[in-house]
Amino acid sequence: MIHLYPGKVAKQRKHPQLKAIEVTSVMGLLIFPLWILALIWAHSNAIFGKLYNEGDFTADDQGVNEPEPPLFSSKPEVETEQTDK
């Protein structure tokens, strides 16, 4: 039964969306591109409908850092004198 193959792959790889992959592969009997999608989905680690779990990422993991100062500035730097009192 070739139409169940994506579900078997997902089960073997312990994919978190096993049931959705199985349903998509069975629907692929009627619409073939769905079977291809289910096969690719089973082999990937993609989780559709959920971008990330809260707490999985920190600001540094997502690339959110302080902006770097520009290398060249169009404004001339003005030196200020500091006086000791």
Protein backbone atom coordinates (compact mmCIF):
# COMPACT_ATOMS: atom_id res chain seq x y z
CA MET A 1 0.00 0.00 0.00
CA ILE A 2 2.09 2.85 -1.31
CA HIS A 3 -0.38 5.52 -0.19
CA LEU A 4 0.48 4.76 3.47
CA TYR A 5 4.24 5.12 2.97
CA PRO A 6 4.52 8.77 4.19
CA GLY A 7 2.78 7.78 7.43
CA LYS A 8 5.20 4.92 7.96
CA VAL A 9 8.16 7.22 7.38
CA ALA A 10 6.75 9.79 9.83
CA LYS A 11 6.18 7.08 12.45
CA GLN A 12 9.72 5.75 12.02
CA ARG A 13 11.17 9.28 12.35
CA LYS A 14 8.86 10.04 15.33
CA HIS A 15 7.42 13.10 13.62
CA PRO A 16 5.23 15.17 15.99
CA GLN A 17 2.49 15.55 13.35
CA LEU A 18 2.14 11.88 12.45
CA LYS A 19 -1.67 11.88 12.23
CA ALA A 20 -1.77 14.93 9.97
CA ILE A 21 0.78 13.32 7.64
CA GLU A 22 -1.24 10.10 7.53
CA VAL A 23 -4.44 12.01 6.67
CA THR A 24 -2.66 14.03 3.98
CA SER A 25 -1.20 10.90 2.41
CA VAL A 26 -4.62 9.19 2.27
CA MET A 27 -6.11 12.35 0.72
CA GLY A 28 -3.31 12.00 -1.81
CA LEU A 29 -5.25 9.11 -3.33
CA LEU A 30 -7.64 11.70 -4.75
CA ILE A 31 -5.21 14.58 -5.28
CA PHE A 32 -1.72 13.29 -6.07
CA PRO A 33 0.24 16.45 -5.14
CA LEU A 34 -0.97 15.99 -1.54
CA TRP A 35 0.75 12.59 -1.41
CA ILE A 36 4.00 14.16 -2.58
CA LEU A 37 3.58 16.91 0.05
CA ALA A 38 3.00 14.28 2.76
CA LEU A 39 6.13 12.39 1.71
CA ILE A 40 8.29 15.52 1.84
CA TRP A 41 6.66 16.56 5.14
CA ALA A 42 7.37 13.13 6.67
CA HIS A 43 11.05 13.36 5.76
CA SER A 44 11.44 16.90 7.05
CA ASN A 45 11.31 18.28 10.57
CA ALA A 46 8.79 20.92 9.53
CA ILE A 47 5.86 21.54 11.82
CA PHE A 48 3.05 23.33 10.00
CA GLY A 49 0.78 25.66 11.92
CA LYS A 50 3.26 26.34 14.71
CA LEU A 51 6.23 28.61 14.23
CA TYR A 52 7.90 27.94 17.57
CA ASN A 53 7.22 27.02 21.16
CA GLU A 54 7.42 29.77 23.73
CA GLY A 55 10.66 29.56 25.63
CA ASP A 56 12.52 27.69 22.89
CA PHE A 57 14.36 30.78 21.74
CA THR A 58 16.03 33.67 23.45
CA ALA A 59 16.61 37.09 21.94
CA ASP A 60 20.18 36.09 21.00
CA ASP A 61 18.98 32.94 19.20
CA GLN A 62 16.63 34.95 17.01
CA GLY A 63 19.30 37.42 16.00
CA VAL A 64 17.77 40.29 17.95
CA ASN A 65 20.74 42.21 19.27
CA GLU A 66 21.70 45.79 19.81
CA PRO A 67 22.27 47.49 16.47
CA GLU A 68 25.89 47.92 15.54
CA PRO A 69 27.17 51.46 15.09
CA PRO A 70 27.80 52.44 11.48
CA LEU A 71 31.35 52.07 10.23
CA PHE A 72 31.29 55.44 8.52
CA SER A 73 29.29 58.40 9.66
CA SER A 74 28.23 61.28 7.48
CA LYS A 75 28.35 63.62 10.49
CA PRO A 76 31.74 64.82 11.70
CA GLU A 77 32.56 63.89 15.24
CA VAL A 78 32.70 66.79 17.66
CA GLU A 79 35.16 66.39 20.47
CA THR A 80 34.05 67.70 23.81
CA GLU A 81 36.45 68.80 26.47
CA GLN A 82 35.98 67.45 29.94
CA THR A 83 37.05 69.67 32.78
CA ASP A 84 37.93 68.46 36.22
CA LYS A 85 36.45 70.42 39.10
